[in-house]
Amino acid sequence: MDLTPLEETRQIVRDNTHGGASLLLFALLKTLSAENGQYLYLLNKLRDMTPETRQLAYRLMELMAQGGNESEEWKTTVVEIEELIRKG
């Protein structure tokens, strides 16, 4: 399982914690982390992303489909990104 989308997402957030791409990807990451399995994300938000960010979003979705959202790396990444955004 390729976990590089998590590191790429983390880096985007590090580079600009309150940028549009950071917040959109963080929202997607949190949505895909939902334990109840109801992955509700407004797909029209994909339009707000650059083509590169959108491709990363698709790769995060694929990682979730492979069960990557249950990995410790995924959970750690979500916690780290939450902290980065909170601290700004």
PDB file of N, CA and C in Angstrom:
ATOM      1  N   MET A   1       0.855  -1.175   0.000  1.00  0.00           N
ATOM      2  CA  MET A   1       0.000   0.000   0.000  1.00  0.00           C
ATOM      3  C   MET A   1       0.902   1.240   0.000  1.00  0.00           C
ATOM      4  N   ASP A   2       0.641   2.123  -0.928  1.00  0.00           N
ATOM      5  CA  ASP A   2       1.435   3.347  -1.093  1.00  0.00           C
ATOM      6  C   ASP A   2       0.879   4.447  -0.190  1.00  0.00           C
ATOM      7  N   LEU A   3       1.653   4.825   0.816  1.00  0.00           N
ATOM      8  CA  LEU A   3       1.219   5.845   1.769  1.00  0.00           C
ATOM      9  C   LEU A   3       1.764   7.232   1.448  1.00  0.00           C
ATOM     10  N   THR A   4       2.409   7.395   0.300  1.00  0.00           N
ATOM     11  CA  THR A   4       2.987   8.705  -0.039  1.00  0.00           C
ATOM     12  C   THR A   4       1.948   9.826  -0.124  1.00  0.00           C
ATOM     13  N   PRO A   5       0.686   9.561  -0.482  1.00  0.00           N
ATOM     14  CA  PRO A   5      -0.284  10.664  -0.482  1.00  0.00           C
ATOM     15  C   PRO A   5      -0.423  11.327   0.898  1.00  0.00           C
ATOM     16  N   LEU A   6      -0.223  10.549   1.946  1.00  0.00           N
ATOM     17  CA  LEU A   6      -0.300  11.124   3.293  1.00  0.00           C
ATOM     18  C   LEU A   6       0.834  12.114   3.526  1.00  0.00           C
ATOM     19  N   GLU A   7       2.044  11.732   3.135  1.00  0.00           N
ATOM     20  CA  GLU A   7       3.187  12.636   3.310  1.00  0.00           C
ATOM     21  C   GLU A   7       3.035  13.872   2.433  1.00  0.00           C
ATOM     22  N   GLU A   8       2.545  13.693   1.212  1.00  0.00           N
ATOM     23  CA  GLU A   8       2.340  14.842   0.323  1.00  0.00           C
ATOM     24  C   GLU A   8       1.317  15.806   0.917  1.00  0.00           C
ATOM     25  N   THR A   9       0.260  15.256   1.492  1.00  0.00           N
ATOM     26  CA  THR A   9      -0.763  16.091   2.123  1.00  0.00           C
ATOM     27  C   THR A   9      -0.173  16.833   3.319  1.00  0.00           C
ATOM     28  N   ARG A  10       0.581  16.116   4.136  1.00  0.00           N
ATOM     29  CA  ARG A  10       1.222  16.731   5.298  1.00  0.00           C
ATOM     30  C   ARG A  10       2.125  17.887   4.864  1.00  0.00           C
ATOM     31  N   GLN A  11       2.861  17.700   3.773  1.00  0.00           N
ATOM     32  CA  GLN A  11       3.777  18.738   3.304  1.00  0.00           C
ATOM     33  C   GLN A  11       3.022  19.968   2.793  1.00  0.00           C
ATOM     34  N   ILE A  12       1.936  19.748   2.094  1.00  0.00           N
ATOM     35  CA  ILE A  12       1.119  20.870   1.610  1.00  0.00           C
ATOM     36  C   ILE A  12       0.624  21.698   2.792  1.00  0.00           C
ATOM     37  N   VAL A  13       0.183  21.021   3.842  1.00  0.00           N
ATOM     38  CA  VAL A  13      -0.306  21.731   5.025  1.00  0.00           C
ATOM     39  C   VAL A  13       0.840  22.459   5.720  1.00  0.00           C
ATOM     40  N   ARG A  14       1.997  21.814   5.825  1.00  0.00           N
ATOM     41  CA  ARG A  14       3.158  22.478   6.444  1.00  0.00           C
ATOM     42  C   ARG A  14       3.519  23.753   5.689  1.00  0.00           C
ATOM     43  N   ASP A  15       3.454  23.691   4.368  1.00  0.00           N
ATOM     44  CA  ASP A  15       3.851  24.826   3.540  1.00  0.00           C
ATOM     45  C   ASP A  15       2.898  26.013   3.664  1.00  0.00           C
ATOM     46  N   ASN A  16       1.619  25.740   3.918  1.00  0.00           N
ATOM     47  CA  ASN A  16       0.628  26.817   3.998  1.00  0.00           C
ATOM     48  C   ASN A  16      -0.568  26.310   4.799  1.00  0.00           C
ATOM     49  N   THR A  17      -0.473  26.414   6.118  1.00  0.00           N
ATOM     50  CA  THR A  17      -1.461  25.782   6.991  1.00  0.00           C
ATOM     51  C   THR A  17      -2.897  26.249   6.775  1.00  0.00           C
ATOM     52  N   HIS A  18      -3.086  27.474   6.357  1.00  0.00           N
ATOM     53  CA  HIS A  18      -4.454  27.952   6.162  1.00  0.00           C
ATOM     54  C   HIS A  18      -4.783  28.230   4.699  1.00  0.00           C
ATOM     55  N   GLY A  19      -3.994  27.673   3.808  1.00  0.00           N
ATOM     56  CA  GLY A  19      -4.261  27.815   2.381  1.00  0.00           C
ATOM     57  C   GLY A  19      -5.454  26.968   1.967  1.00  0.00           C
ATOM     58  N   GLY A  20      -6.034  27.328   0.851  1.00  0.00           N
ATOM     59  CA  GLY A  20      -7.202  26.608   0.359  1.00  0.00           C
ATOM     60  C   GLY A  20      -6.949  25.124   0.173  1.00  0.00           C
ATOM     61  N   ALA A  21      -5.837  24.770  -0.452  1.00  0.00           N
ATOM     62  CA  ALA A  21      -5.526  23.358  -0.700  1.00  0.00           C
ATOM     63  C   ALA A  21      -5.381  22.603   0.615  1.00  0.00           C
ATOM     64  N   SER A  22      -4.722  23.223   1.584  1.00  0.00           N
ATOM     65  CA  SER A  22      -4.529  22.577   2.884  1.00  0.00           C
ATOM     66  C   SER A  22      -5.862  22.263   3.545  1.00  0.00           C
ATOM     67  N   LEU A  23      -6.737  23.241   3.553  1.00  0.00           N
ATOM     68  CA  LEU A  23      -8.017  23.063   4.233  1.00  0.00           C
ATOM     69  C   LEU A  23      -8.924  22.085   3.496  1.00  0.00           C
ATOM     70  N   LEU A  24      -8.913  22.131   2.170  1.00  0.00           N
ATOM     71  CA  LEU A  24      -9.720  21.183   1.399  1.00  0.00           C
ATOM     72  C   LEU A  24      -9.224  19.753   1.593  1.00  0.00           C
ATOM     73  N   LEU A  25      -7.909  19.567   1.537  1.00  0.00           N
ATOM     74  CA  LEU A  25      -7.353  18.223   1.715  1.00  0.00           C
ATOM     75  C   LEU A  25      -7.556  17.729   3.142  1.00  0.00           C
ATOM     76  N   PHE A  26      -7.431  18.620   4.106  1.00  0.00           N
ATOM     77  CA  PHE A  26      -7.667  18.226   5.491  1.00  0.00           C
ATOM     78  C   PHE A  26      -9.120  17.780   5.681  1.00  0.00           C
ATOM     79  N   ALA A  27     -10.057  18.519   5.120  1.00  0.00           N
ATOM     80  CA  ALA A  27     -11.468  18.137   5.222  1.00  0.00           C
ATOM     81  C   ALA A  27     -11.700  16.765   4.595  1.00  0.00           C
ATOM     82  N   LEU A  28     -11.066  16.524   3.458  1.00  0.00           N
ATOM     83  CA  LEU A  28     -11.202  15.218   2.812  1.00  0.00           C
ATOM     84  C   LEU A  28     -10.596  14.130   3.686  1.00  0.00           C
ATOM     85  N   LEU A  29      -9.413  14.369   4.208  1.00  0.00           N
ATOM     86  CA  LEU A  29      -8.735  13.391   5.057  1.00  0.00           C
ATOM     87  C   LEU A  29      -9.588  13.048   6.276  1.00  0.00           C
ATOM     88  N   LYS A  30     -10.161  14.065   6.917  1.00  0.00           N
ATOM     89  CA  LYS A  30     -11.034  13.827   8.073  1.00  0.00           C
ATOM     90  C   LYS A  30     -12.277  13.041   7.672  1.00  0.00           C
ATOM     91  N   THR A  31     -12.849  13.389   6.533  1.00  0.00           N
ATOM     92  CA  THR A  31     -14.035  12.685   6.063  1.00  0.00           C
ATOM     93  C   THR A  31     -13.725  11.218   5.807  1.00  0.00           C
ATOM     94  N   LEU A  32     -12.599  10.955   5.172  1.00  0.00           N
ATOM     95  CA  LEU A  32     -12.218   9.576   4.865  1.00  0.00           C
ATOM     96  C   LEU A  32     -11.790   8.807   6.110  1.00  0.00           C
ATOM     97  N   SER A  33     -11.624   9.503   7.214  1.00  0.00           N
ATOM     98  CA  SER A  33     -11.244   8.868   8.475  1.00  0.00           C
ATOM     99  C   SER A  33     -12.460   8.450   9.294  1.00  0.00           C
ATOM    100  N   ALA A  34     -13.643   8.812   8.849  1.00  0.00           N
ATOM    101  CA  ALA A  34     -14.865   8.565   9.612  1.00  0.00           C
ATOM    102  C   ALA A  34     -15.014   7.081   9.921  1.00  0.00           C
ATOM    103  N   GLU A  35     -15.133   6.776  11.195  1.00  0.00           N
ATOM    104  CA  GLU A  35     -15.229   5.386  11.611  1.00  0.00           C
ATOM    105  C   GLU A  35     -16.574   4.759  11.277  1.00  0.00           C
ATOM    106  N   ASN A  36     -17.604   5.571  11.159  1.00  0.00           N
ATOM    107  CA  ASN A  36     -18.924   5.007  10.871  1.00  0.00           C
ATOM    108  C   ASN A  36     -19.106   4.665   9.397  1.00  0.00           C
ATOM    109  N   GLY A  37     -18.111   4.972   8.583  1.00  0.00           N
ATOM    110  CA  GLY A  37     -18.138   4.567   7.187  1.00  0.00           C
ATOM    111  C   GLY A  37     -18.965   5.432   6.268  1.00  0.00           C
ATOM    112  N   GLN A  38     -19.529   6.513   6.779  1.00  0.00           N
ATOM    113  CA  GLN A  38     -20.309   7.396   5.919  1.00  0.00           C
ATOM    114  C   GLN A  38     -19.420   8.538   5.476  1.00  0.00           C
ATOM    115  N   TYR A  39     -18.788   8.337   4.339  1.00  0.00           N
ATOM    116  CA  TYR A  39     -17.790   9.275   3.836  1.00  0.00           C
ATOM    117  C   TYR A  39     -18.474  10.406   3.076  1.00  0.00           C
ATOM    118  N   LEU A  40     -18.960  11.390   3.815  1.00  0.00           N
ATOM    119  CA  LEU A  40     -19.704  12.492   3.214  1.00  0.00           C
ATOM    120  C   LEU A  40     -18.775  13.675   2.949  1.00  0.00           C
ATOM    121  N   TYR A  41     -18.532  13.935   1.686  1.00  0.00           N
ATOM    122  CA  TYR A  41     -17.678  15.048   1.265  1.00  0.00           C
ATOM    123  C   TYR A  41     -18.326  15.637   0.030  1.00  0.00           C
ATOM    124  N   LEU A  42     -18.497  16.924   0.012  1.00  0.00           N
ATOM    125  CA  LEU A  42     -19.105  17.559  -1.151  1.00  0.00           C
ATOM    126  C   LEU A  42     -18.148  17.460  -2.332  1.00  0.00           C
ATOM    127  N   LEU A  43     -18.504  16.636  -3.278  1.00  0.00           N
ATOM    128  CA  LEU A  43     -17.613  16.414  -4.412  1.00  0.00           C
ATOM    129  C   LEU A  43     -17.400  17.665  -5.246  1.00  0.00           C
ATOM    130  N   ASN A  44     -18.300  18.627  -5.146  1.00  0.00           N
ATOM    131  CA  ASN A  44     -18.075  19.863  -5.897  1.00  0.00           C
ATOM    132  C   ASN A  44     -16.871  20.629  -5.349  1.00  0.00           C
ATOM    133  N   LYS A  45     -16.394  20.272  -4.156  1.00  0.00           N
ATOM    134  CA  LYS A  45     -15.174  20.875  -3.609  1.00  0.00           C
ATOM    135  C   LYS A  45     -13.962  20.512  -4.464  1.00  0.00           C
ATOM    136  N   LEU A  46     -14.056  19.417  -5.204  1.00  0.00           N
ATOM    137  CA  LEU A  46     -12.960  19.034  -6.100  1.00  0.00           C
ATOM    138  C   LEU A  46     -12.712  20.117  -7.145  1.00  0.00           C
ATOM    139  N   ARG A  47     -13.746  20.857  -7.498  1.00  0.00           N
ATOM    140  CA  ARG A  47     -13.596  21.948  -8.476  1.00  0.00           C
ATOM    141  C   ARG A  47     -12.724  23.081  -7.944  1.00  0.00           C
ATOM    142  N   ASP A  48     -12.697  23.223  -6.631  1.00  0.00           N
ATOM    143  CA  ASP A  48     -11.912  24.294  -6.009  1.00  0.00           C
ATOM    144  C   ASP A  48     -10.424  23.968  -5.936  1.00  0.00           C
ATOM    145  N   MET A  49     -10.073  22.751  -6.290  1.00  0.00           N
ATOM    146  CA  MET A  49      -8.681  22.310  -6.214  1.00  0.00           C
ATOM    147  C   MET A  49      -7.976  22.506  -7.547  1.00  0.00           C
ATOM    148  N   THR A  50      -6.669  22.670  -7.474  1.00  0.00           N
ATOM    149  CA  THR A  50      -5.872  22.665  -8.702  1.00  0.00           C
ATOM    150  C   THR A  50      -5.860  21.236  -9.235  1.00  0.00           C
ATOM    151  N   PRO A  51      -5.531  21.038 -10.508  1.00  0.00           N
ATOM    152  CA  PRO A  51      -5.454  19.667 -11.022  1.00  0.00           C
ATOM    153  C   PRO A  51      -4.506  18.781 -10.202  1.00  0.00           C
ATOM    154  N   GLU A  52      -3.395  19.339  -9.738  1.00  0.00           N
ATOM    155  CA  GLU A  52      -2.435  18.557  -8.955  1.00  0.00           C
ATOM    156  C   GLU A  52      -3.021  18.150  -7.604  1.00  0.00           C
ATOM    157  N   THR A  53      -3.685  19.095  -6.951  1.00  0.00           N
ATOM    158  CA  THR A  53      -4.296  18.801  -5.658  1.00  0.00           C
ATOM    159  C   THR A  53      -5.436  17.808  -5.823  1.00  0.00           C
ATOM    160  N   ARG A  54      -6.187  17.939  -6.904  1.00  0.00           N
ATOM    161  CA  ARG A  54      -7.282  17.009  -7.178  1.00  0.00           C
ATOM    162  C   ARG A  54      -6.742  15.591  -7.365  1.00  0.00           C
ATOM    163  N   GLN A  55      -5.621  15.452  -8.074  1.00  0.00           N
ATOM    164  CA  GLN A  55      -5.017  14.127  -8.249  1.00  0.00           C
ATOM    165  C   GLN A  55      -4.595  13.545  -6.899  1.00  0.00           C
ATOM    166  N   LEU A  56      -4.067  14.391  -6.024  1.00  0.00           N
ATOM    167  CA  LEU A  56      -3.708  13.931  -4.684  1.00  0.00           C
ATOM    168  C   LEU A  56      -4.963  13.491  -3.929  1.00  0.00           C
ATOM    169  N   ALA A  57      -6.040  14.232  -4.066  1.00  0.00           N
ATOM    170  CA  ALA A  57      -7.305  13.856  -3.422  1.00  0.00           C
ATOM    171  C   ALA A  57      -7.771  12.487  -3.915  1.00  0.00           C
ATOM    172  N   TYR A  58      -7.666  12.241  -5.214  1.00  0.00           N
ATOM    173  CA  TYR A  58      -8.051  10.936  -5.758  1.00  0.00           C
ATOM    174  C   TYR A  58      -7.179   9.830  -5.179  1.00  0.00           C
ATOM    175  N   ARG A  59      -5.896  10.125  -5.011  1.00  0.00           N
ATOM    176  CA  ARG A  59      -4.988   9.121  -4.449  1.00  0.00           C
ATOM    177  C   ARG A  59      -5.311   8.851  -2.980  1.00  0.00           C
ATOM    178  N   LEU A  60      -5.728   9.886  -2.248  1.00  0.00           N
ATOM    179  CA  LEU A  60      -6.165   9.672  -0.865  1.00  0.00           C
ATOM    180  C   LEU A  60      -7.422   8.802  -0.827  1.00  0.00           C
ATOM    181  N   MET A  61      -8.348   9.039  -1.759  1.00  0.00           N
ATOM    182  CA  MET A  61      -9.558   8.218  -1.830  1.00  0.00           C
ATOM    183  C   MET A  61      -9.209   6.766  -2.139  1.00  0.00           C
ATOM    184  N   GLU A  62      -8.268   6.561  -3.043  1.00  0.00           N
ATOM    185  CA  GLU A  62      -7.835   5.201  -3.384  1.00  0.00           C
ATOM    186  C   GLU A  62      -7.181   4.534  -2.179  1.00  0.00           C
ATOM    187  N   LEU A  63      -6.378   5.292  -1.454  1.00  0.00           N
ATOM    188  CA  LEU A  63      -5.742   4.754  -0.251  1.00  0.00           C
ATOM    189  C   LEU A  63      -6.799   4.330   0.765  1.00  0.00           C
ATOM    190  N   MET A  64      -7.853   5.139   0.928  1.00  0.00           N
ATOM    191  CA  MET A  64      -8.955   4.772   1.811  1.00  0.00           C
ATOM    192  C   MET A  64      -9.623   3.490   1.323  1.00  0.00           C
ATOM    193  N   ALA A  65      -9.844   3.379   0.015  1.00  0.00           N
ATOM    194  CA  ALA A  65     -10.498   2.193  -0.545  1.00  0.00           C
ATOM    195  C   ALA A  65      -9.681   0.930  -0.287  1.00  0.00           C
ATOM    196  N   GLN A  66      -8.371   1.090  -0.155  1.00  0.00           N
ATOM    197  CA  GLN A  66      -7.488  -0.042   0.135  1.00  0.00           C
ATOM    198  C   GLN A  66      -7.372  -0.313   1.637  1.00  0.00           C
ATOM    199  N   GLY A  67      -8.082   0.460   2.439  1.00  0.00           N
ATOM    200  CA  GLY A  67      -8.040   0.278   3.888  1.00  0.00           C
ATOM    201  C   GLY A  67      -6.960   1.080   4.585  1.00  0.00           C
ATOM    202  N   GLY A  68      -6.293   1.959   3.842  1.00  0.00           N
ATOM    203  CA  GLY A  68      -5.219   2.750   4.426  1.00  0.00           C
ATOM    204  C   GLY A  68      -5.667   3.689   5.524  1.00  0.00           C
ATOM    205  N   ASN A  69      -6.954   4.054   5.510  1.00  0.00           N
ATOM    206  CA  ASN A  69      -7.458   4.967   6.538  1.00  0.00           C
ATOM    207  C   ASN A  69      -7.554   4.303   7.909  1.00  0.00           C
ATOM    208  N   GLU A  70      -7.299   3.016   7.964  1.00  0.00           N
ATOM    209  CA  GLU A  70      -7.285   2.304   9.237  1.00  0.00           C
ATOM    210  C   GLU A  70      -5.868   2.123   9.769  1.00  0.00           C
ATOM    211  N   SER A  71      -4.880   2.582   9.013  1.00  0.00           N
ATOM    212  CA  SER A  71      -3.481   2.405   9.412  1.00  0.00           C
ATOM    213  C   SER A  71      -3.069   3.441  10.450  1.00  0.00           C
ATOM    214  N   GLU A  72      -2.052   3.103  11.204  1.00  0.00           N
ATOM    215  CA  GLU A  72      -1.509   4.041  12.191  1.00  0.00           C
ATOM    216  C   GLU A  72      -0.932   5.274  11.505  1.00  0.00           C
ATOM    217  N   GLU A  73      -0.320   5.089  10.332  1.00  0.00           N
ATOM    218  CA  GLU A  73       0.253   6.215   9.591  1.00  0.00           C
ATOM    219  C   GLU A  73      -0.842   7.225   9.241  1.00  0.00           C
ATOM    220  N   TRP A  74      -1.988   6.747   8.796  1.00  0.00           N
ATOM    221  CA  TRP A  74      -3.117   7.629   8.466  1.00  0.00           C
ATOM    222  C   TRP A  74      -3.543   8.410   9.709  1.00  0.00           C
ATOM    223  N   LYS A  75      -3.770   7.673  10.799  1.00  0.00           N
ATOM    224  CA  LYS A  75      -4.241   8.308  12.035  1.00  0.00           C
ATOM    225  C   LYS A  75      -3.235   9.330  12.551  1.00  0.00           C
ATOM    226  N   THR A  76      -1.961   8.991  12.489  1.00  0.00           N
ATOM    227  CA  THR A  76      -0.910   9.908  12.922  1.00  0.00           C
ATOM    228  C   THR A  76      -0.890  11.156  12.052  1.00  0.00           C
ATOM    229  N   THR A  77      -1.049  10.970  10.746  1.00  0.00           N
ATOM    230  CA  THR A  77      -1.057  12.102   9.821  1.00  0.00           C
ATOM    231  C   THR A  77      -2.217  13.042  10.121  1.00  0.00           C
ATOM    232  N   VAL A  78      -3.387  12.497  10.376  1.00  0.00           N
ATOM    233  CA  VAL A  78      -4.556  13.326  10.695  1.00  0.00           C
ATOM    234  C   VAL A  78      -4.292  14.150  11.951  1.00  0.00           C
ATOM    235  N   VAL A  79      -3.743  13.524  12.976  1.00  0.00           N
ATOM    236  CA  VAL A  79      -3.448  14.231  14.226  1.00  0.00           C
ATOM    237  C   VAL A  79      -2.415  15.331  13.989  1.00  0.00           C
ATOM    238  N   GLU A  80      -1.362  15.021  13.232  1.00  0.00           N
ATOM    239  CA  GLU A  80      -0.321  16.012  12.942  1.00  0.00           C
ATOM    240  C   GLU A  80      -0.876  17.201  12.159  1.00  0.00           C
ATOM    241  N   ILE A  81      -1.702  16.922  11.170  1.00  0.00           N
ATOM    242  CA  ILE A  81      -2.272  17.998  10.359  1.00  0.00           C
ATOM    243  C   ILE A  81      -3.232  18.847  11.191  1.00  0.00           C
ATOM    244  N   GLU A  82      -4.039  18.203  12.029  1.00  0.00           N
ATOM    245  CA  GLU A  82      -4.922  18.967  12.922  1.00  0.00           C
ATOM    246  C   GLU A  82      -4.113  19.937  13.778  1.00  0.00           C
ATOM    247  N   GLU A  83      -3.010  19.446  14.301  1.00  0.00           N
ATOM    248  CA  GLU A  83      -2.156  20.277  15.153  1.00  0.00           C
ATOM    249  C   GLU A  83      -1.537  21.427  14.360  1.00  0.00           C
ATOM    250  N   LEU A  84      -1.061  21.144  13.154  1.00  0.00           N
ATOM    251  CA  LEU A  84      -0.484  22.192  12.306  1.00  0.00           C
ATOM    252  C   LEU A  84      -1.502  23.292  12.019  1.00  0.00           C
ATOM    253  N   ILE A  85      -2.713  22.895  11.681  1.00  0.00           N
ATOM    254  CA  ILE A  85      -3.755  23.870  11.352  1.00  0.00           C
ATOM    255  C   ILE A  85      -4.169  24.650  12.601  1.00  0.00           C
ATOM    256  N   ARG A  86      -4.275  23.963  13.714  1.00  0.00           N
ATOM    257  CA  ARG A  86      -4.664  24.627  14.961  1.00  0.00           C
ATOM    258  C   ARG A  86      -3.633  25.679  15.369  1.00  0.00           C
ATOM    259  N   LYS A  87      -2.366  25.349  15.215  1.00  0.00           N
ATOM    260  CA  LYS A  87      -1.294  26.279  15.602  1.00  0.00           C
ATOM    261  C   LYS A  87      -1.064  27.370  14.565  1.00  0.00           C
ATOM    262  N   GLY A  88      -1.517  27.100  13.329  1.00  0.00           N
ATOM    263  CA  GLY A  88      -1.418  28.092  12.270  1.00  0.00           C
ATOM    264  C   GLY A  88      -0.033  28.391  11.876  1.00  0.00           C
TER     265      GLY A  88
END
